[in-house]
Every structure is written in C-alpha cells, then in structure tokens.
mmCIF file of all heavy atoms, coordinates in Angstrom:
data_MODEL
# 
_entry.id   MODEL 
# 
loop_
_atom_site.group_PDB 
_atom_site.id 
_atom_site.type_symbol 
_atom_site.label_atom_id 
_atom_site.label_alt_id 
_atom_site.label_comp_id 
_atom_site.label_asym_id 
_atom_site.label_entity_id 
_atom_site.label_seq_id 
_atom_site.pdbx_PDB_ins_code 
_atom_site.Cartn_x 
_atom_site.Cartn_y 
_atom_site.Cartn_z 
_atom_site.occupancy 
_atom_site.B_iso_or_equiv 
_atom_site.pdbx_formal_charge 
_atom_site.auth_seq_id 
_atom_site.auth_comp_id 
_atom_site.auth_asym_id 
_atom_site.auth_atom_id 
_atom_site.pdbx_PDB_model_num 
ATOM 1   N N   . PRO A 1 1  ? 142.999 -21.459 329.887 1.00 0.00 ? 1  PRO A N   1 
ATOM 2   C CA  . PRO A 1 1  ? 142.543 -21.052 331.271 1.00 0.00 ? 1  PRO A CA  1 
ATOM 3   C C   . PRO A 1 1  ? 143.588 -21.413 332.414 1.00 0.00 ? 1  PRO A C   1 
ATOM 4   O O   . PRO A 1 1  ? 143.751 -20.645 333.343 1.00 0.00 ? 1  PRO A O   1 
ATOM 5   C CB  . PRO A 1 1  ? 141.286 -21.778 331.487 1.00 0.00 ? 1  PRO A CB  1 
ATOM 6   C CG  . PRO A 1 1  ? 140.802 -22.101 330.112 1.00 0.00 ? 1  PRO A CG  1 
ATOM 7   C CD  . PRO A 1 1  ? 141.937 -22.253 329.260 1.00 0.00 ? 1  PRO A CD  1 
ATOM 8   N N   . MET A 1 2  ? 144.244 -22.507 332.219 1.00 0.00 ? 2  MET A N   1 
ATOM 9   C CA  . MET A 1 2  ? 145.280 -22.954 333.235 1.00 0.00 ? 2  MET A CA  1 
ATOM 10  C C   . MET A 1 2  ? 146.467 -21.991 333.140 1.00 0.00 ? 2  MET A C   1 
ATOM 11  O O   . MET A 1 2  ? 147.022 -21.722 334.304 1.00 0.00 ? 2  MET A O   1 
ATOM 12  C CB  . MET A 1 2  ? 145.630 -24.364 332.952 1.00 0.00 ? 2  MET A CB  1 
ATOM 13  C CG  . MET A 1 2  ? 144.574 -25.440 333.390 1.00 0.00 ? 2  MET A CG  1 
ATOM 14  S SD  . MET A 1 2  ? 143.918 -25.408 335.013 1.00 0.00 ? 2  MET A SD  1 
ATOM 15  C CE  . MET A 1 2  ? 145.496 -25.538 335.965 1.00 0.00 ? 2  MET A CE  1 
ATOM 16  N N   . ALA A 1 3  ? 146.678 -21.509 331.974 1.00 0.00 ? 3  ALA A N   1 
ATOM 17  C CA  . ALA A 1 3  ? 147.845 -20.478 331.987 1.00 0.00 ? 3  ALA A CA  1 
ATOM 18  C C   . ALA A 1 3  ? 147.425 -19.191 332.791 1.00 0.00 ? 3  ALA A C   1 
ATOM 19  O O   . ALA A 1 3  ? 148.158 -18.630 333.474 1.00 0.00 ? 3  ALA A O   1 
ATOM 20  C CB  . ALA A 1 3  ? 148.089 -20.150 330.565 1.00 0.00 ? 3  ALA A CB  1 
ATOM 21  N N   . VAL A 1 4  ? 146.112 -18.746 332.725 1.00 0.00 ? 4  VAL A N   1 
ATOM 22  C CA  . VAL A 1 4  ? 145.660 -17.622 333.367 1.00 0.00 ? 4  VAL A CA  1 
ATOM 23  C C   . VAL A 1 4  ? 145.700 -17.968 334.960 1.00 0.00 ? 4  VAL A C   1 
ATOM 24  O O   . VAL A 1 4  ? 146.197 -17.153 335.655 1.00 0.00 ? 4  VAL A O   1 
ATOM 25  C CB  . VAL A 1 4  ? 144.261 -17.256 332.986 1.00 0.00 ? 4  VAL A CB  1 
ATOM 26  C CG1 . VAL A 1 4  ? 143.739 -16.182 333.825 1.00 0.00 ? 4  VAL A CG1 1 
ATOM 27  C CG2 . VAL A 1 4  ? 144.318 -16.979 331.594 1.00 0.00 ? 4  VAL A CG2 1 
ATOM 28  N N   . LEU A 1 5  ? 145.275 -19.182 335.270 1.00 0.00 ? 5  LEU A N   1 
ATOM 29  C CA  . LEU A 1 5  ? 145.277 -19.543 336.666 1.00 0.00 ? 5  LEU A CA  1 
ATOM 30  C C   . LEU A 1 5  ? 146.666 -19.641 337.328 1.00 0.00 ? 5  LEU A C   1 
ATOM 31  O O   . LEU A 1 5  ? 146.938 -19.121 338.355 1.00 0.00 ? 5  LEU A O   1 
ATOM 32  C CB  . LEU A 1 5  ? 144.573 -20.889 336.874 1.00 0.00 ? 5  LEU A CB  1 
ATOM 33  C CG  . LEU A 1 5  ? 143.679 -21.113 338.119 1.00 0.00 ? 5  LEU A CG  1 
ATOM 34  C CD1 . LEU A 1 5  ? 142.603 -20.131 338.152 1.00 0.00 ? 5  LEU A CD1 1 
ATOM 35  C CD2 . LEU A 1 5  ? 143.223 -22.452 338.120 1.00 0.00 ? 5  LEU A CD2 1 
ATOM 36  N N   . THR A 1 6  ? 147.634 -20.151 336.403 1.00 0.00 ? 6  THR A N   1 
ATOM 37  C CA  . THR A 1 6  ? 148.939 -20.295 336.943 1.00 0.00 ? 6  THR A CA  1 
ATOM 38  C C   . THR A 1 6  ? 149.581 -18.939 337.196 1.00 0.00 ? 6  THR A C   1 
ATOM 39  O O   . THR A 1 6  ? 150.256 -18.665 338.235 1.00 0.00 ? 6  THR A O   1 
ATOM 40  C CB  . THR A 1 6  ? 149.891 -20.947 335.859 1.00 0.00 ? 6  THR A CB  1 
ATOM 41  O OG1 . THR A 1 6  ? 149.237 -22.211 335.712 1.00 0.00 ? 6  THR A OG1 1 
ATOM 42  C CG2 . THR A 1 6  ? 151.328 -21.084 336.233 1.00 0.00 ? 6  THR A CG2 1 
ATOM 43  N N   . ALA A 1 7  ? 149.175 -17.853 336.237 1.00 0.00 ? 7  ALA A N   1 
ATOM 44  C CA  . ALA A 1 7  ? 149.662 -16.516 336.552 1.00 0.00 ? 7  ALA A CA  1 
ATOM 45  C C   . ALA A 1 7  ? 149.004 -15.904 337.899 1.00 0.00 ? 7  ALA A C   1 
ATOM 46  O O   . ALA A 1 7  ? 149.652 -15.223 338.695 1.00 0.00 ? 7  ALA A O   1 
ATOM 47  C CB  . ALA A 1 7  ? 149.259 -15.683 335.342 1.00 0.00 ? 7  ALA A CB  1 
ATOM 48  N N   . VAL A 1 8  ? 147.711 -16.264 338.013 1.00 0.00 ? 8  VAL A N   1 
ATOM 49  C CA  . VAL A 1 8  ? 147.156 -15.717 339.239 1.00 0.00 ? 8  VAL A CA  1 
ATOM 50  C C   . VAL A 1 8  ? 147.767 -16.291 340.524 1.00 0.00 ? 8  VAL A C   1 
ATOM 51  O O   . VAL A 1 8  ? 147.896 -15.656 341.502 1.00 0.00 ? 8  VAL A O   1 
ATOM 52  C CB  . VAL A 1 8  ? 145.634 -16.039 339.235 1.00 0.00 ? 8  VAL A CB  1 
ATOM 53  C CG1 . VAL A 1 8  ? 144.958 -15.750 340.492 1.00 0.00 ? 8  VAL A CG1 1 
ATOM 54  C CG2 . VAL A 1 8  ? 144.890 -15.103 338.102 1.00 0.00 ? 8  VAL A CG2 1 
ATOM 55  N N   . TYR A 1 9  ? 148.167 -17.649 340.519 1.00 0.00 ? 9  TYR A N   1 
ATOM 56  C CA  . TYR A 1 9  ? 148.776 -18.349 341.678 1.00 0.00 ? 9  TYR A CA  1 
ATOM 57  C C   . TYR A 1 9  ? 150.179 -17.759 341.931 1.00 0.00 ? 9  TYR A C   1 
ATOM 58  O O   . TYR A 1 9  ? 150.608 -18.111 343.029 1.00 0.00 ? 9  TYR A O   1 
ATOM 59  C CB  . TYR A 1 9  ? 148.833 -19.730 341.275 1.00 0.00 ? 9  TYR A CB  1 
ATOM 60  C CG  . TYR A 1 9  ? 147.508 -20.531 341.325 1.00 0.00 ? 9  TYR A CG  1 
ATOM 61  C CD1 . TYR A 1 9  ? 147.371 -21.733 340.915 1.00 0.00 ? 9  TYR A CD1 1 
ATOM 62  C CD2 . TYR A 1 9  ? 146.352 -19.839 341.777 1.00 0.00 ? 9  TYR A CD2 1 
ATOM 63  C CE1 . TYR A 1 9  ? 146.185 -22.601 340.999 1.00 0.00 ? 9  TYR A CE1 1 
ATOM 64  C CE2 . TYR A 1 9  ? 145.202 -20.652 341.761 1.00 0.00 ? 9  TYR A CE2 1 
ATOM 65  C CZ  . TYR A 1 9  ? 145.045 -21.928 341.392 1.00 0.00 ? 9  TYR A CZ  1 
ATOM 66  O OH  . TYR A 1 9  ? 143.886 -22.564 341.406 1.00 0.00 ? 9  TYR A OH  1 
ATOM 67  N N   . LEU A 1 10 ? 150.598 -16.873 341.121 1.00 0.00 ? 10 LEU A N   1 
ATOM 68  C CA  . LEU A 1 10 ? 151.981 -16.360 341.491 1.00 0.00 ? 10 LEU A CA  1 
ATOM 69  C C   . LEU A 1 10 ? 151.763 -15.337 342.744 1.00 0.00 ? 10 LEU A C   1 
ATOM 70  O O   . LEU A 1 10 ? 152.833 -15.013 343.372 1.00 0.00 ? 10 LEU A O   1 
ATOM 71  C CB  . LEU A 1 10 ? 152.537 -15.564 340.306 1.00 0.00 ? 10 LEU A CB  1 
ATOM 72  C CG  . LEU A 1 10 ? 152.990 -16.420 339.046 1.00 0.00 ? 10 LEU A CG  1 
ATOM 73  C CD1 . LEU A 1 10 ? 153.365 -15.513 337.952 1.00 0.00 ? 10 LEU A CD1 1 
ATOM 74  C CD2 . LEU A 1 10 ? 154.116 -17.288 339.480 1.00 0.00 ? 10 LEU A CD2 1 
ATOM 75  N N   . VAL A 1 11 ? 150.593 -14.830 342.921 1.00 0.00 ? 11 VAL A N   1 
ATOM 76  C CA  . VAL A 1 11 ? 150.391 -13.857 344.086 1.00 0.00 ? 11 VAL A CA  1 
ATOM 77  C C   . VAL A 1 11 ? 150.782 -14.641 345.418 1.00 0.00 ? 11 VAL A C   1 
ATOM 78  O O   . VAL A 1 11 ? 151.615 -13.972 346.185 1.00 0.00 ? 11 VAL A O   1 
ATOM 79  C CB  . VAL A 1 11 ? 148.995 -13.350 344.096 1.00 0.00 ? 11 VAL A CB  1 
ATOM 80  C CG1 . VAL A 1 11 ? 148.752 -12.399 345.212 1.00 0.00 ? 11 VAL A CG1 1 
ATOM 81  C CG2 . VAL A 1 11 ? 148.760 -12.541 342.785 1.00 0.00 ? 11 VAL A CG2 1 
ATOM 82  N N   . PRO A 1 12 ? 150.202 -15.698 345.790 1.00 0.00 ? 12 PRO A N   1 
ATOM 83  C CA  . PRO A 1 12 ? 150.607 -16.277 347.126 1.00 0.00 ? 12 PRO A CA  1 
ATOM 84  C C   . PRO A 1 12 ? 152.094 -16.754 347.016 1.00 0.00 ? 12 PRO A C   1 
ATOM 85  O O   . PRO A 1 12 ? 152.684 -16.830 348.058 1.00 0.00 ? 12 PRO A O   1 
ATOM 86  C CB  . PRO A 1 12 ? 149.616 -17.405 347.275 1.00 0.00 ? 12 PRO A CB  1 
ATOM 87  C CG  . PRO A 1 12 ? 149.034 -17.707 345.965 1.00 0.00 ? 12 PRO A CG  1 
ATOM 88  C CD  . PRO A 1 12 ? 148.980 -16.379 345.218 1.00 0.00 ? 12 PRO A CD  1 
ATOM 89  N N   . ARG A 1 13 ? 152.574 -17.129 345.874 1.00 0.00 ? 13 ARG A N   1 
ATOM 90  C CA  . ARG A 1 13 ? 153.992 -17.527 345.725 1.00 0.00 ? 13 ARG A CA  1 
ATOM 91  C C   . ARG A 1 13 ? 154.841 -16.444 346.116 1.00 0.00 ? 13 ARG A C   1 
ATOM 92  O O   . ARG A 1 13 ? 155.909 -16.602 346.810 1.00 0.00 ? 13 ARG A O   1 
ATOM 93  C CB  . ARG A 1 13 ? 154.162 -18.043 344.392 1.00 0.00 ? 13 ARG A CB  1 
ATOM 94  C CG  . ARG A 1 13 ? 155.573 -18.534 344.135 1.00 0.00 ? 13 ARG A CG  1 
ATOM 95  C CD  . ARG A 1 13 ? 155.843 -18.984 342.681 1.00 0.00 ? 13 ARG A CD  1 
ATOM 96  N NE  . ARG A 1 13 ? 157.204 -19.338 342.493 1.00 0.00 ? 13 ARG A NE  1 
ATOM 97  C CZ  . ARG A 1 13 ? 157.775 -20.456 342.849 1.00 0.00 ? 13 ARG A CZ  1 
ATOM 98  N NH1 . ARG A 1 13 ? 157.230 -21.261 343.512 1.00 0.00 ? 13 ARG A NH1 1 
ATOM 99  N NH2 . ARG A 1 13 ? 159.192 -20.495 342.630 1.00 0.00 ? 13 ARG A NH2 1 
ATOM 100 N N   . VAL A 1 14 ? 154.570 -15.200 345.708 1.00 0.00 ? 14 VAL A N   1 
ATOM 101 C CA  . VAL A 1 14 ? 155.342 -14.122 346.002 1.00 0.00 ? 14 VAL A CA  1 
ATOM 102 C C   . VAL A 1 14 ? 155.373 -13.858 347.540 1.00 0.00 ? 14 VAL A C   1 
ATOM 103 O O   . VAL A 1 14 ? 156.489 -13.646 348.106 1.00 0.00 ? 14 VAL A O   1 
ATOM 104 C CB  . VAL A 1 14 ? 154.903 -12.809 345.246 1.00 0.00 ? 14 VAL A CB  1 
ATOM 105 C CG1 . VAL A 1 14 ? 155.483 -11.599 345.850 1.00 0.00 ? 14 VAL A CG1 1 
ATOM 106 C CG2 . VAL A 1 14 ? 155.168 -12.876 343.724 1.00 0.00 ? 14 VAL A CG2 1 
ATOM 107 N N   . VAL A 1 15 ? 154.282 -13.821 348.022 1.00 0.00 ? 15 VAL A N   1 
ATOM 108 C CA  . VAL A 1 15 ? 154.081 -13.427 349.434 1.00 0.00 ? 15 VAL A CA  1 
ATOM 109 C C   . VAL A 1 15 ? 154.788 -14.639 350.422 1.00 0.00 ? 15 VAL A C   1 
ATOM 110 O O   . VAL A 1 15 ? 155.530 -14.204 351.322 1.00 0.00 ? 15 VAL A O   1 
ATOM 111 C CB  . VAL A 1 15 ? 152.727 -13.154 349.836 1.00 0.00 ? 15 VAL A CB  1 
ATOM 112 C CG1 . VAL A 1 15 ? 152.568 -12.868 351.450 1.00 0.00 ? 15 VAL A CG1 1 
ATOM 113 C CG2 . VAL A 1 15 ? 152.053 -12.053 349.051 1.00 0.00 ? 15 VAL A CG2 1 
ATOM 114 N N   . TYR A 1 16 ? 154.550 -15.802 350.133 1.00 0.00 ? 16 TYR A N   1 
ATOM 115 C CA  . TYR A 1 16 ? 154.916 -16.890 351.082 1.00 0.00 ? 16 TYR A CA  1 
ATOM 116 C C   . TYR A 1 16 ? 156.270 -17.554 350.520 1.00 0.00 ? 16 TYR A C   1 
ATOM 117 O O   . TYR A 1 16 ? 157.136 -17.646 351.316 1.00 0.00 ? 16 TYR A O   1 
ATOM 118 C CB  . TYR A 1 16 ? 153.815 -17.885 351.189 1.00 0.00 ? 16 TYR A CB  1 
ATOM 119 C CG  . TYR A 1 16 ? 152.833 -17.349 352.106 1.00 0.00 ? 16 TYR A CG  1 
ATOM 120 C CD1 . TYR A 1 16 ? 151.658 -16.577 351.636 1.00 0.00 ? 16 TYR A CD1 1 
ATOM 121 C CD2 . TYR A 1 16 ? 152.827 -17.348 353.493 1.00 0.00 ? 16 TYR A CD2 1 
ATOM 122 C CE1 . TYR A 1 16 ? 150.680 -16.072 352.450 1.00 0.00 ? 16 TYR A CE1 1 
ATOM 123 C CE2 . TYR A 1 16 ? 151.882 -16.876 354.262 1.00 0.00 ? 16 TYR A CE2 1 
ATOM 124 C CZ  . TYR A 1 16 ? 150.839 -16.205 353.838 1.00 0.00 ? 16 TYR A CZ  1 
ATOM 125 O OH  . TYR A 1 16 ? 149.882 -15.584 354.647 1.00 0.00 ? 16 TYR A OH  1 
ATOM 126 N N   . GLN A 1 17 ? 156.345 -18.119 349.319 1.00 0.00 ? 17 GLN A N   1 
ATOM 127 C CA  . GLN A 1 17 ? 157.485 -18.825 348.913 1.00 0.00 ? 17 GLN A CA  1 
ATOM 128 C C   . GLN A 1 17 ? 158.717 -17.925 348.791 1.00 0.00 ? 17 GLN A C   1 
ATOM 129 O O   . GLN A 1 17 ? 159.766 -18.346 349.102 1.00 0.00 ? 17 GLN A O   1 
ATOM 130 C CB  . GLN A 1 17 ? 157.176 -19.558 347.590 1.00 0.00 ? 17 GLN A CB  1 
ATOM 131 C CG  . GLN A 1 17 ? 156.078 -20.667 347.710 1.00 0.00 ? 17 GLN A CG  1 
ATOM 132 C CD  . GLN A 1 17 ? 156.546 -21.818 348.598 1.00 0.00 ? 17 GLN A CD  1 
ATOM 133 O OE1 . GLN A 1 17 ? 157.807 -22.104 348.667 1.00 0.00 ? 17 GLN A OE1 1 
ATOM 134 N NE2 . GLN A 1 17 ? 155.634 -22.434 349.362 1.00 0.00 ? 17 GLN A NE2 1 
ATOM 135 N N   . GLN A 1 18 ? 158.459 -16.725 348.238 1.00 0.00 ? 18 GLN A N   1 
ATOM 136 C CA  . GLN A 1 18 ? 159.589 -15.813 347.884 1.00 0.00 ? 18 GLN A CA  1 
ATOM 137 C C   . GLN A 1 18 ? 159.937 -14.840 348.855 1.00 0.00 ? 18 GLN A C   1 
ATOM 138 O O   . GLN A 1 18 ? 161.057 -14.281 348.792 1.00 0.00 ? 18 GLN A O   1 
ATOM 139 C CB  . GLN A 1 18 ? 159.379 -15.183 346.492 1.00 0.00 ? 18 GLN A CB  1 
ATOM 140 C CG  . GLN A 1 18 ? 159.286 -16.135 345.356 1.00 0.00 ? 18 GLN A CG  1 
ATOM 141 C CD  . GLN A 1 18 ? 159.052 -15.452 344.078 1.00 0.00 ? 18 GLN A CD  1 
ATOM 142 O OE1 . GLN A 1 18 ? 159.028 -14.238 344.010 1.00 0.00 ? 18 GLN A OE1 1 
ATOM 143 N NE2 . GLN A 1 18 ? 159.146 -16.293 342.915 1.00 0.00 ? 18 GLN A NE2 1 
ATOM 144 N N   . TYR A 1 19 ? 159.086 -14.574 349.846 1.00 0.00 ? 19 TYR A N   1 
ATOM 145 C CA  . TYR A 1 19 ? 159.445 -13.498 350.783 1.00 0.00 ? 19 TYR A CA  1 
ATOM 146 C C   . TYR A 1 19 ? 159.290 -14.080 352.340 1.00 0.00 ? 19 TYR A C   1 
ATOM 147 O O   . TYR A 1 19 ? 160.202 -14.020 353.102 1.00 0.00 ? 19 TYR A O   1 
ATOM 148 C CB  . TYR A 1 19 ? 158.464 -12.284 350.694 1.00 0.00 ? 19 TYR A CB  1 
ATOM 149 C CG  . TYR A 1 19 ? 158.816 -11.170 351.738 1.00 0.00 ? 19 TYR A CG  1 
ATOM 150 C CD1 . TYR A 1 19 ? 159.901 -10.406 351.537 1.00 0.00 ? 19 TYR A CD1 1 
ATOM 151 C CD2 . TYR A 1 19 ? 158.118 -11.020 352.857 1.00 0.00 ? 19 TYR A CD2 1 
ATOM 152 C CE1 . TYR A 1 19 ? 160.352 -9.438  352.450 1.00 0.00 ? 19 TYR A CE1 1 
ATOM 153 C CE2 . TYR A 1 19 ? 158.345 -10.098 353.796 1.00 0.00 ? 19 TYR A CE2 1 
ATOM 154 C CZ  . TYR A 1 19 ? 159.447 -9.291  353.658 1.00 0.00 ? 19 TYR A CZ  1 
ATOM 155 O OH  . TYR A 1 19 ? 159.871 -8.376  354.478 1.00 0.00 ? 19 TYR A OH  1 
ATOM 156 N N   . LEU A 1 20 ? 158.129 -14.763 352.577 1.00 0.00 ? 20 LEU A N   1 
ATOM 157 C CA  . LEU A 1 20 ? 157.972 -15.093 354.004 1.00 0.00 ? 20 LEU A CA  1 
ATOM 158 C C   . LEU A 1 20 ? 158.528 -16.394 354.452 1.00 0.00 ? 20 LEU A C   1 
ATOM 159 O O   . LEU A 1 20 ? 158.785 -16.520 355.688 1.00 0.00 ? 20 LEU A O   1 
ATOM 160 C CB  . LEU A 1 20 ? 156.467 -14.936 354.382 1.00 0.00 ? 20 LEU A CB  1 
ATOM 161 C CG  . LEU A 1 20 ? 155.869 -13.669 354.628 1.00 0.00 ? 20 LEU A CG  1 
ATOM 162 C CD1 . LEU A 1 20 ? 154.365 -13.779 354.917 1.00 0.00 ? 20 LEU A CD1 1 
ATOM 163 C CD2 . LEU A 1 20 ? 156.478 -12.986 355.913 1.00 0.00 ? 20 LEU A CD2 1 
ATOM 164 N N   . LEU A 1 21 ? 158.696 -17.364 353.573 1.00 0.00 ? 21 LEU A N   1 
ATOM 165 C CA  . LEU A 1 21 ? 159.074 -18.759 354.077 1.00 0.00 ? 21 LEU A CA  1 
ATOM 166 C C   . LEU A 1 21 ? 160.331 -18.873 354.821 1.00 0.00 ? 21 LEU A C   1 
ATOM 167 O O   . LEU A 1 21 ? 160.405 -19.460 355.888 1.00 0.00 ? 21 LEU A O   1 
ATOM 168 C CB  . LEU A 1 21 ? 159.023 -19.756 352.974 1.00 0.00 ? 21 LEU A CB  1 
ATOM 169 C CG  . LEU A 1 21 ? 159.116 -21.251 353.279 1.00 0.00 ? 21 LEU A CG  1 
ATOM 170 C CD1 . LEU A 1 21 ? 158.203 -21.682 354.262 1.00 0.00 ? 21 LEU A CD1 1 
ATOM 171 C CD2 . LEU A 1 21 ? 159.167 -22.054 351.871 1.00 0.00 ? 21 LEU A CD2 1 
ATOM 172 N N   . GLY A 1 22 ? 161.375 -18.190 354.252 1.00 0.00 ? 22 GLY A N   1 
ATOM 173 C CA  . GLY A 1 22 ? 162.561 -18.098 355.047 1.00 0.00 ? 22 GLY A CA  1 
ATOM 174 C C   . GLY A 1 22 ? 162.477 -17.514 356.379 1.00 0.00 ? 22 GLY A C   1 
ATOM 175 O O   . GLY A 1 22 ? 163.066 -17.986 357.338 1.00 0.00 ? 22 GLY A O   1 
ATOM 176 N N   . LYS A 1 23 ? 161.794 -16.456 356.438 1.00 0.00 ? 23 LYS A N   1 
ATOM 177 C CA  . LYS A 1 23 ? 161.571 -15.699 357.656 1.00 0.00 ? 23 LYS A CA  1 
ATOM 178 C C   . LYS A 1 23 ? 160.689 -16.635 358.692 1.00 0.00 ? 23 LYS A C   1 
ATOM 179 O O   . LYS A 1 23 ? 161.037 -16.701 359.898 1.00 0.00 ? 23 LYS A O   1 
ATOM 180 C CB  . LYS A 1 23 ? 160.801 -14.443 357.485 1.00 0.00 ? 23 LYS A CB  1 
ATOM 181 C CG  . LYS A 1 23 ? 161.583 -13.400 356.590 1.00 0.00 ? 23 LYS A CG  1 
ATOM 182 C CD  . LYS A 1 23 ? 160.828 -12.201 356.287 1.00 0.00 ? 23 LYS A CD  1 
ATOM 183 C CE  . LYS A 1 23 ? 161.522 -11.355 355.264 1.00 0.00 ? 23 LYS A CE  1 
ATOM 184 N NZ  . LYS A 1 23 ? 162.910 -10.881 355.665 1.00 0.00 ? 23 LYS A NZ  1 
ATOM 185 N N   . LEU A 1 24 ? 159.697 -17.283 358.178 1.00 0.00 ? 24 LEU A N   1 
ATOM 186 C CA  . LEU A 1 24 ? 158.937 -18.194 359.052 1.00 0.00 ? 24 LEU A CA  1 
ATOM 187 C C   . LEU A 1 24 ? 159.789 -19.301 359.604 1.00 0.00 ? 24 LEU A C   1 
ATOM 188 O O   . LEU A 1 24 ? 159.488 -19.708 360.762 1.00 0.00 ? 24 LEU A O   1 
ATOM 189 C CB  . LEU A 1 24 ? 157.766 -18.870 358.239 1.00 0.00 ? 24 LEU A CB  1 
ATOM 190 C CG  . LEU A 1 24 ? 156.571 -17.905 357.863 1.00 0.00 ? 24 LEU A CG  1 
ATOM 191 C CD1 . LEU A 1 24 ? 155.677 -18.437 356.957 1.00 0.00 ? 24 LEU A CD1 1 
ATOM 192 C CD2 . LEU A 1 24 ? 155.814 -17.473 359.133 1.00 0.00 ? 24 LEU A CD2 1 
ATOM 193 N N   . HIS A 1 25 ? 160.655 -19.861 358.913 1.00 0.00 ? 25 HIS A N   1 
ATOM 194 C CA  . HIS A 1 25 ? 161.684 -20.878 359.426 1.00 0.00 ? 25 HIS A CA  1 
ATOM 195 C C   . HIS A 1 25 ? 162.510 -20.238 360.621 1.00 0.00 ? 25 HIS A C   1 
ATOM 196 O O   . HIS A 1 25 ? 162.653 -20.969 361.605 1.00 0.00 ? 25 HIS A O   1 
ATOM 197 C CB  . HIS A 1 25 ? 162.653 -21.287 358.380 1.00 0.00 ? 25 HIS A CB  1 
ATOM 198 C CG  . HIS A 1 25 ? 162.057 -22.365 357.464 1.00 0.00 ? 25 HIS A CG  1 
ATOM 199 N ND1 . HIS A 1 25 ? 161.570 -23.528 357.895 1.00 0.00 ? 25 HIS A ND1 1 
ATOM 200 C CD2 . HIS A 1 25 ? 161.910 -22.286 356.081 1.00 0.00 ? 25 HIS A CD2 1 
ATOM 201 C CE1 . HIS A 1 25 ? 161.121 -24.271 356.929 1.00 0.00 ? 25 HIS A CE1 1 
ATOM 202 N NE2 . HIS A 1 25 ? 161.350 -23.630 355.808 1.00 0.00 ? 25 HIS A NE2 1 
# 
C-alpha cells in the first residue's frame, strides 16, 4: 500500500517540486 501511496504522491511533486518551486522563488 505504501508503494501505491508513494506513486500517488508524485502528483503534487510534479506540480510543485518539479515545475512551480523554481518559479515561486
């Protein structure tokens, strides 16, 4: 189940860590 949850948590990671964070700075 944690493997499933880790995969689901990639969604906010894409939007914020990989796309928006540098722009937010």
